[in-house]
Amino acid sequence: MEVGIEAVNAYVGRASLDVRTLFEARGLDMRRFGNLMMRQKSVNLPCEDAVTNAVNAAKPLVDALTQAERDRIELVIVGTESGLDYGKPLSTYVHDALGLSRRCRSFETKHACYGGTAALRSAAALLEVGADPDAKALVVAADAASAAARDTYWEPSQGAGAVAMIVGGRPRVLALDPGASGFHSYEVMDTLRPRPDLEAGDSDLSLLSYLACLEQSYRHYAERVVGADIVTTFDRLVLHTPFAGMVRSAHRTLLRKLKGYDTAAVEADFERRTAASLDYCSRVGNVYSAALYLALCSLIDGDGPQAGPRRVGMFSYGSGCASEFYSGVVPEGAGARLAALGIDAAIADRYPLSMPEYETLADGGALRMAGVRDQRFDPAGYGTVYEKGFAGRGLLVLDEISAFHRRYRWS
């Protein structure tokens, strides 16, 4: 049974901040600005959390289904590192907000930024062994940044958003190559979220772990897939993108190690196979468990609606750490389907924040985090940002938390 992504959509937030402005306001070393390859970052309002991000990504996909197709969704998985409860998964809120059938599995996966891939691969495996060839899964990779990591080099890359995927037996976006995957995982304390309000870690160690996992997971892939070659097997390469500069560095290191490429050959390969995947991430920031799949959306849109079939090598990494290199085929027509959802236009349509507006939203972020018992969210406190970005647009927002139970409404 062929299984893969039938449809995909991204929610990229409704507000953004210019990263150069942030660097200058924080007094960060501008010599490091170019290495990030970041232009803007999306910013959630305090009345947004991982649930609202997930639902706002998924709703256009679910709305496009017939009622019979919706009833075929028998699995909802949310991959996240922004869980809101030790027991209750985000998927319960997502399932409810989208009005899906109760004849449905529902759970959450967590392993830092690998969580989205864990959700996708779990969904594909469950569908493959199921009895219904028409069954579908809704997979969402969704996160919300912790409190702004002020005065650090983490802050410029902290983004906001989610990527939703309908997974099933008619993959019109990405057909997964059966059995084509390699893994590399081990214990390391590179980046972490020890509390809801804190993102911390060792950026140098994280880069080294990422590079080691990319090389070793690909080598495992090559052992399992006869004749695999990092250059000739894949028409495109899409790598987990916490920030675009990290992908450029990883691509360069990998091709020098595996192929002995010089600088000119590396740059030519990067522009041909990988550069298009970085556009959205350089404008949205790190969306954690969704970062790889936002990069895939960027690649498909960047290739254009007329692009033919192409095999894509995909590398997923989660701090702590887990990694997987796998592949699939983007079929002809995928570009036209994705273009119709207007992700690029949604990125361009975000409200541009001033630094004072950003500081206000960042300060309010703690109000939405796990562990908050009671809180009401009044959109009047977000001023012009809410009026221009949310009012009347039918987006899900967090209305209140009462005895830890979250209640949402449509804007």
Protein backbone atom coordinates (compact mmCIF):
# COMPACT_ATOMS: atom_id res chain seq x y z
CA MET A 1 0.00 0.00 0.00
CA GLU A 2 1.41 3.38 -1.03
CA VAL A 3 1.25 5.86 1.85
CA GLY A 4 2.25 9.48 2.16
CA ILE A 5 1.11 13.06 2.46
CA GLU A 6 -2.11 13.74 0.57
CA ALA A 7 -2.34 17.42 1.49
CA VAL A 8 -0.27 19.87 3.51
CA ASN A 9 -0.70 23.40 4.88
CA ALA A 10 1.23 25.74 7.16
CA TYR A 11 0.06 28.31 9.67
CA VAL A 12 2.78 30.95 9.91
CA GLY A 13 1.36 33.29 12.55
CA ARG A 14 -0.20 36.70 12.07
CA ALA A 15 2.60 38.92 13.40
CA SER A 16 6.30 39.17 12.61
CA LEU A 17 9.45 40.94 13.74
CA ASP A 18 12.40 41.99 11.62
CA VAL A 19 15.43 40.04 12.85
CA ARG A 20 17.92 42.81 12.09
CA THR A 21 15.82 45.15 14.25
CA LEU A 22 15.95 42.60 17.07
CA PHE A 23 19.73 42.21 16.76
CA GLU A 24 20.22 45.96 16.97
CA ALA A 25 17.80 46.40 19.89
CA ARG A 26 19.48 43.64 21.89
CA GLY A 27 23.02 44.81 21.07
CA LEU A 28 23.91 41.41 19.57
CA ASP A 29 27.07 40.98 17.52
CA MET A 30 26.12 41.90 13.95
CA ARG A 31 28.99 39.74 12.68
CA ARG A 32 26.81 36.76 13.56
CA PHE A 33 23.73 38.12 11.82
CA GLY A 34 24.73 36.88 8.37
CA ASN A 35 25.45 33.37 9.64
CA LEU A 36 21.84 32.97 10.79
CA MET A 37 20.43 33.74 7.32
CA MET A 38 17.28 34.98 9.08
CA ARG A 39 15.16 37.88 7.83
CA GLN A 40 12.04 37.81 10.01
CA LYS A 41 10.46 35.68 12.70
CA SER A 42 6.80 34.98 13.37
CA VAL A 43 5.49 35.87 16.81
CA ASN A 44 2.47 34.37 18.57
CA LEU A 45 0.10 36.54 20.57
CA PRO A 46 -0.52 35.50 24.20
CA CYS A 47 -3.93 34.17 23.07
CA GLU A 48 -2.19 31.67 20.78
CA ASP A 49 -0.63 28.38 21.82
CA ALA A 50 0.38 25.11 20.17
CA VAL A 51 -3.30 24.10 19.92
CA THR A 52 -4.37 27.23 18.05
CA ASN A 53 -1.34 26.97 15.77
CA ALA A 54 -2.22 23.33 15.02
CA VAL A 55 -5.91 23.97 14.33
CA ASN A 56 -5.26 27.02 12.17
CA ALA A 57 -2.90 24.95 10.03
CA ALA A 58 -5.27 21.99 9.79
CA LYS A 59 -8.64 23.69 9.31
CA PRO A 60 -8.22 24.56 5.59
CA LEU A 61 -7.30 20.94 4.86
CA VAL A 62 -10.23 19.50 6.81
CA ASP A 63 -12.65 22.02 5.33
CA ALA A 64 -11.61 20.92 1.83
CA LEU A 65 -12.67 17.31 2.52
CA THR A 66 -16.12 15.93 1.88
CA GLN A 67 -18.02 14.71 4.93
CA ALA A 68 -17.32 11.12 3.89
CA GLU A 69 -13.59 11.88 3.68
CA ARG A 70 -13.60 13.57 7.09
CA ASP A 71 -15.21 10.49 8.56
CA ARG A 72 -12.28 8.45 7.20
CA ILE A 73 -9.89 10.28 9.52
CA GLU A 74 -9.34 7.63 12.17
CA LEU A 75 -6.15 8.99 13.67
CA VAL A 76 -5.08 12.43 14.98
CA ILE A 77 -1.46 12.82 16.06
CA VAL A 78 0.18 16.07 17.16
CA GLY A 79 3.96 16.18 17.22
CA THR A 80 5.13 18.86 19.65
CA GLU A 81 7.63 19.92 22.28
CA SER A 82 5.11 22.43 23.64
CA GLY A 83 2.82 20.08 25.55
CA LEU A 84 0.34 21.67 27.94
CA ASP A 85 -0.28 18.80 30.36
CA TYR A 86 1.61 15.72 31.55
CA GLY A 87 -1.37 13.51 30.68
CA LYS A 88 -3.82 15.23 28.34
CA PRO A 89 -2.42 15.55 24.79
CA LEU A 90 -2.88 18.53 22.48
CA SER A 91 -4.58 16.20 19.99
CA THR A 92 -7.75 16.13 22.13
CA TYR A 93 -8.24 19.88 21.71
CA VAL A 94 -7.37 19.70 17.99
CA HIS A 95 -9.78 16.83 17.39
CA ASP A 96 -12.57 18.70 19.17
CA ALA A 97 -12.04 22.09 17.48
CA LEU A 98 -12.12 20.49 14.03
CA GLY A 99 -15.30 18.52 14.74
CA LEU A 100 -13.85 15.15 13.76
CA SER A 101 -15.54 11.80 14.26
CA ARG A 102 -15.23 10.18 17.68
CA ARG A 103 -14.27 6.92 15.98
CA CYS A 104 -10.69 8.04 16.06
CA ARG A 105 -7.35 7.46 17.76
CA SER A 106 -5.80 10.55 19.33
CA PHE A 107 -2.37 11.08 20.85
CA GLU A 108 0.73 13.29 21.04
CA THR A 109 4.36 12.54 20.17
CA LYS A 110 7.37 14.24 21.75
CA HIS A 111 11.04 14.26 20.95
CA ALA A 112 12.05 17.91 20.54
CA CYS A 113 12.03 18.86 16.85
CA TYR A 114 11.83 15.20 15.77
CA GLY A 115 8.26 15.06 17.14
CA GLY A 116 6.65 15.98 13.81
CA THR A 117 8.47 13.18 12.01
CA ALA A 118 7.61 10.76 14.81
CA ALA A 119 3.95 11.67 14.25
CA LEU A 120 4.15 11.27 10.47
CA ARG A 121 5.97 7.95 10.60
CA SER A 122 3.60 6.60 13.28
CA ALA A 123 0.59 7.58 11.19
CA ALA A 124 2.01 5.97 8.06
CA ALA A 125 2.80 2.73 9.92
CA LEU A 126 -0.66 2.50 11.49
CA LEU A 127 -2.37 3.14 8.16
CA GLU A 128 -0.23 0.50 6.43
CA VAL A 129 -1.33 -2.21 8.86
CA GLY A 130 -4.97 -1.08 8.99
CA ALA A 131 -7.84 -2.86 7.32
CA ASP A 132 -9.29 0.20 5.52
CA PRO A 133 -7.41 1.34 2.39
CA ASP A 134 -9.38 4.62 2.43
CA ALA A 135 -8.52 5.51 6.03
CA LYS A 136 -6.73 8.79 6.68
CA ALA A 137 -4.76 10.42 9.47
CA LEU A 138 -4.44 14.04 10.46
CA VAL A 139 -0.86 14.75 11.51
CA VAL A 140 0.10 18.17 12.86
CA ALA A 141 3.55 19.36 13.87
CA ALA A 142 2.86 22.32 16.16
CA ASP A 143 4.75 24.33 18.73
CA ALA A 144 4.79 27.67 20.51
CA ALA A 145 8.01 29.25 21.73
CA SER A 146 8.66 29.55 25.44
CA ALA A 147 9.34 32.96 26.94
CA ALA A 148 11.53 35.07 24.70
CA ALA A 149 15.17 34.14 25.34
CA ARG A 150 16.11 37.80 25.65
CA ASP A 151 19.70 38.90 25.02
CA THR A 152 20.69 35.49 23.61
CA TYR A 153 21.30 34.23 20.10
CA TRP A 154 18.37 31.81 20.54
CA GLU A 155 15.84 34.64 20.49
CA PRO A 156 16.26 35.73 16.84
CA SER A 157 15.36 32.25 15.61
CA GLN A 158 12.37 31.55 17.90
CA GLY A 159 9.43 31.36 15.50
CA ALA A 160 5.75 30.46 15.64
CA GLY A 161 3.50 28.22 13.60
CA ALA A 162 2.51 24.71 12.61
CA VAL A 163 2.31 22.38 9.62
CA ALA A 164 -0.68 20.06 9.14
CA MET A 165 -0.76 17.00 6.90
CA ILE A 166 -3.49 14.67 5.70
CA VAL A 167 -1.82 11.26 5.46
CA GLY A 168 -3.29 8.42 3.46
CA GLY A 169 -3.09 6.12 0.47
CA ARG A 170 -3.33 8.79 -2.24
CA PRO A 171 -0.18 10.85 -1.66
CA ARG A 172 -0.46 13.93 -3.86
CA VAL A 173 2.25 15.87 -1.99
CA LEU A 174 4.85 13.29 -0.88
CA ALA A 175 4.81 9.53 -1.48
CA LEU A 176 7.03 7.91 1.14
CA ASP A 177 9.63 5.46 -0.20
CA PRO A 178 8.85 2.14 1.55
CA GLY A 179 11.65 0.93 3.80
CA ALA A 180 13.93 3.81 2.80
CA SER A 181 15.14 5.32 6.07
CA GLY A 182 18.14 5.45 8.34
CA PHE A 183 18.40 6.41 12.01
CA HIS A 184 20.94 7.71 14.52
CA SER A 185 20.06 8.51 18.13
CA TYR A 186 21.88 8.86 21.44
CA GLU A 187 21.68 10.75 24.74
CA VAL A 188 23.01 14.31 24.72
CA MET A 189 21.99 17.52 26.53
CA ASP A 190 22.26 19.94 23.63
CA THR A 191 19.01 21.94 23.83
CA LEU A 192 16.22 21.52 26.33
CA ARG A 193 13.01 22.89 27.82
CA PRO A 194 13.33 22.09 31.53
CA ARG A 195 10.45 24.43 32.38
CA PRO A 196 7.55 25.82 30.33
CA ASP A 197 9.12 29.29 30.48
CA LEU A 198 12.68 28.32 29.56
CA GLU A 199 14.54 27.21 26.44
CA ALA A 200 18.20 26.54 27.13
CA GLY A 201 21.18 24.60 25.87
CA ASP A 202 24.61 24.59 24.31
CA SER A 203 24.46 25.89 20.73
CA ASP A 204 27.90 24.53 19.79
CA LEU A 205 27.06 21.07 21.10
CA SER A 206 23.72 21.18 19.30
CA LEU A 207 25.43 21.95 15.99
CA LEU A 208 27.91 19.09 16.48
CA SER A 209 25.08 16.67 17.36
CA TYR A 210 23.09 17.78 14.30
CA LEU A 211 26.09 17.26 11.99
CA ALA A 212 26.89 13.85 13.47
CA CYS A 213 23.29 12.71 13.14
CA LEU A 214 22.98 13.92 9.55
CA GLU A 215 26.05 11.98 8.49
CA GLN A 216 25.31 8.82 10.44
CA SER A 217 21.57 8.62 9.67
CA TYR A 218 22.38 9.02 5.96
CA ARG A 219 25.07 6.32 6.18
CA HIS A 220 22.48 4.01 7.75
CA TYR A 221 20.05 4.90 4.94
CA ALA A 222 22.72 4.06 2.36
CA GLU A 223 23.36 0.67 4.00
CA ARG A 224 19.66 -0.19 3.75
CA VAL A 225 18.93 1.25 0.29
CA VAL A 226 21.12 -0.46 -2.30
CA GLY A 227 22.91 1.96 -4.61
CA ALA A 228 21.94 5.12 -2.69
CA ASP A 229 24.12 8.14 -3.40
CA ILE A 230 23.77 11.49 -1.63
CA VAL A 231 24.04 13.39 -4.92
CA THR A 232 22.52 11.21 -7.65
CA THR A 233 19.67 9.56 -5.72
CA PHE A 234 17.91 12.75 -4.60
CA ASP A 235 16.73 15.56 -6.85
CA ARG A 236 16.29 17.73 -3.75
CA LEU A 237 17.51 17.73 -0.14
CA VAL A 238 15.39 19.10 2.71
CA LEU A 239 17.00 19.29 6.14
CA HIS A 240 15.61 20.22 9.55
CA THR A 241 15.85 24.01 9.69
CA PRO A 242 16.19 25.65 13.11
CA PHE A 243 17.74 28.51 11.14
CA ALA A 244 18.78 28.62 7.51
CA GLY A 245 22.48 29.14 8.21
CA MET A 246 22.66 25.81 10.03
CA VAL A 247 21.38 23.99 6.94
CA ARG A 248 23.94 25.67 4.69
CA SER A 249 26.72 24.59 7.07
CA ALA A 250 25.39 21.03 7.38
CA HIS A 251 25.00 20.63 3.61
CA ARG A 252 28.58 21.81 3.08
CA THR A 253 30.00 19.49 5.74
CA LEU A 254 28.09 16.47 4.45
CA LEU A 255 29.15 16.84 0.82
CA ARG A 256 32.77 17.44 1.70
CA LYS A 257 32.82 14.30 3.85
CA LEU A 258 30.89 12.01 1.52
CA LYS A 259 31.94 13.31 -1.90
CA GLY A 260 35.06 15.40 -1.34
CA TYR A 261 33.46 18.41 -3.05
CA ASP A 262 35.32 21.70 -3.22
CA THR A 263 33.68 25.03 -2.36
CA ALA A 264 32.39 25.72 -5.88
CA ALA A 265 30.81 22.27 -6.23
CA VAL A 266 29.19 22.52 -2.80
CA GLU A 267 27.69 25.94 -3.60
CA ALA A 268 26.33 24.78 -6.96
CA ASP A 269 24.71 21.73 -5.38
CA PHE A 270 23.26 23.82 -2.55
CA GLU A 271 21.64 26.27 -4.96
CA ARG A 272 20.27 23.48 -7.14
CA ARG A 273 18.90 21.12 -4.51
CA THR A 274 18.46 22.84 -1.12
CA ALA A 275 18.31 26.65 -1.28
CA ALA A 276 14.59 26.83 -2.17
CA SER A 277 13.70 24.95 1.02
CA LEU A 278 15.04 27.78 3.20
CA ASP A 279 12.93 30.73 2.06
CA TYR A 280 9.97 30.22 4.40
CA CYS A 281 12.08 29.27 7.41
CA SER A 282 14.25 32.38 6.98
CA ARG A 283 11.08 34.49 7.20
CA VAL A 284 9.18 32.54 9.90
CA GLY A 285 11.94 31.27 12.19
CA ASN A 286 12.32 27.97 13.98
CA VAL A 287 8.98 26.21 14.23
CA TYR A 288 10.55 23.28 16.07
CA SER A 289 8.69 20.02 15.29
CA ALA A 290 7.27 21.63 12.13
CA ALA A 291 10.57 23.05 10.83
CA LEU A 292 11.34 20.19 8.41
CA TYR A 293 7.83 20.30 6.97
CA LEU A 294 7.79 24.08 6.56
CA ALA A 295 11.04 23.61 4.64
CA LEU A 296 9.32 21.00 2.46
CA CYS A 297 6.48 23.45 1.75
CA SER A 298 9.06 26.10 0.84
CA LEU A 299 10.79 23.71 -1.54
CA ILE A 300 7.59 22.67 -3.31
CA ASP A 301 6.41 26.25 -3.68
CA GLY A 302 9.88 27.33 -4.79
CA ASP A 303 10.00 24.67 -7.51
CA GLY A 304 6.77 26.08 -8.95
CA PRO A 305 3.40 24.61 -9.95
CA GLN A 306 4.72 23.07 -13.19
CA ALA A 307 7.52 21.00 -11.63
CA GLY A 308 7.62 17.32 -12.45
CA PRO A 309 8.16 14.39 -10.08
CA ARG A 310 11.32 14.55 -7.97
CA ARG A 311 12.79 12.43 -5.23
CA VAL A 312 13.51 14.30 -2.00
CA GLY A 313 15.94 13.30 0.73
CA MET A 314 14.59 14.38 4.14
CA PHE A 315 16.61 14.77 7.34
CA SER A 316 14.82 15.14 10.68
CA TYR A 317 16.65 15.96 13.92
CA GLY A 318 15.45 16.37 17.49
CA SER A 319 17.69 17.49 20.32
CA GLY A 320 18.42 15.03 23.01
CA CYS A 321 18.81 13.38 20.43
CA ALA A 322 17.00 11.44 17.70
CA SER A 323 17.37 11.65 13.94
CA GLU A 324 16.14 10.04 10.75
CA PHE A 325 17.06 10.34 7.09
CA TYR A 326 14.28 9.17 4.79
CA SER A 327 13.02 9.83 1.30
CA GLY A 328 9.93 10.19 -0.83
CA VAL A 329 8.72 11.40 -4.19
CA VAL A 330 6.96 14.72 -4.70
CA PRO A 331 4.59 13.96 -7.59
CA GLU A 332 3.69 16.19 -10.50
CA GLY A 333 0.88 18.55 -9.51
CA ALA A 334 1.99 18.95 -5.89
CA GLY A 335 3.12 22.51 -6.54
CA ALA A 336 -0.23 23.60 -7.92
CA ARG A 337 -2.07 22.08 -4.95
CA LEU A 338 0.17 23.79 -2.43
CA ALA A 339 0.17 27.13 -4.26
CA ALA A 340 -3.62 27.25 -3.94
CA LEU A 341 -3.25 27.48 -0.14
CA GLY A 342 -1.21 30.69 -0.36
CA ILE A 343 1.49 30.10 2.26
CA ASP A 344 3.82 32.67 0.71
CA ALA A 345 1.04 35.26 0.70
CA ALA A 346 0.23 34.48 4.34
CA ILE A 347 3.85 35.12 5.31
CA ALA A 348 3.80 38.44 3.47
CA ASP A 349 0.48 39.40 5.13
CA ARG A 350 1.70 39.25 8.75
CA TYR A 351 1.50 42.38 10.87
CA PRO A 352 5.00 43.93 11.23
CA LEU A 353 5.71 44.50 14.91
CA SER A 354 7.66 47.38 16.40
CA MET A 355 10.04 46.49 19.22
CA PRO A 356 7.67 47.89 21.92
CA GLU A 357 4.81 45.80 20.47
CA TYR A 358 7.04 42.74 20.39
CA GLU A 359 8.09 43.23 24.01
CA THR A 360 4.44 43.45 25.09
CA LEU A 361 3.56 40.20 23.32
CA ALA A 362 6.68 38.46 24.60
CA ASP A 363 5.88 39.47 28.19
CA GLY A 364 2.37 38.06 27.81
CA GLY A 365 3.57 34.71 26.50
CA ALA A 366 3.92 33.29 30.01
CA LEU A 367 0.14 33.55 30.47
CA ARG A 368 -0.52 30.76 27.94
CA MET A 369 2.04 28.23 29.11
CA ALA A 370 1.58 24.84 30.72
CA GLY A 371 0.78 25.01 34.41
CA VAL A 372 -1.40 28.14 34.29
CA ARG A 373 -4.53 27.42 36.32
CA ASP A 374 -6.84 30.35 35.53
CA GLN A 375 -6.47 33.13 32.97
CA ARG A 376 -8.69 35.11 30.64
CA PHE A 377 -7.37 36.49 27.36
CA ASP A 378 -8.76 39.89 26.38
CA PRO A 379 -7.89 40.81 22.78
CA ALA A 380 -8.17 44.49 23.68
CA GLY A 381 -4.79 44.13 25.32
CA TYR A 382 -3.15 43.29 21.99
CA GLY A 383 -4.40 46.44 20.26
CA THR A 384 -3.81 46.90 16.55
CA VAL A 385 -2.08 43.54 16.20
CA TYR A 386 -5.26 41.64 17.01
CA GLU A 387 -7.56 43.96 15.04
CA LYS A 388 -5.51 43.71 11.86
CA GLY A 389 -4.38 40.12 12.17
CA PHE A 390 -7.24 38.21 13.76
CA ALA A 391 -10.56 40.04 14.05
CA GLY A 392 -13.14 38.57 11.71
CA ARG A 393 -10.72 36.07 10.13
CA GLY A 394 -12.17 32.91 11.71
CA LEU A 395 -8.94 31.83 13.36
CA LEU A 396 -8.89 29.81 16.58
CA VAL A 397 -7.67 31.75 19.63
CA LEU A 398 -7.37 30.92 23.32
CA ASP A 399 -10.27 32.49 25.23
CA GLU A 400 -9.62 31.37 28.80
CA ILE A 401 -8.03 28.81 31.06
CA SER A 402 -10.29 27.68 33.90
CA ALA A 403 -9.07 25.10 36.41
CA PHE A 404 -6.37 24.21 33.86
CA HIS A 405 -8.98 23.45 31.17
CA ARG A 406 -8.41 25.46 28.01
CA ARG A 407 -11.34 26.97 26.15
CA TYR A 408 -11.01 28.35 22.65
CA ARG A 409 -13.10 30.50 20.31
CA TRP A 410 -13.06 31.61 16.69
CA SER A 411 -11.91 35.18 16.03
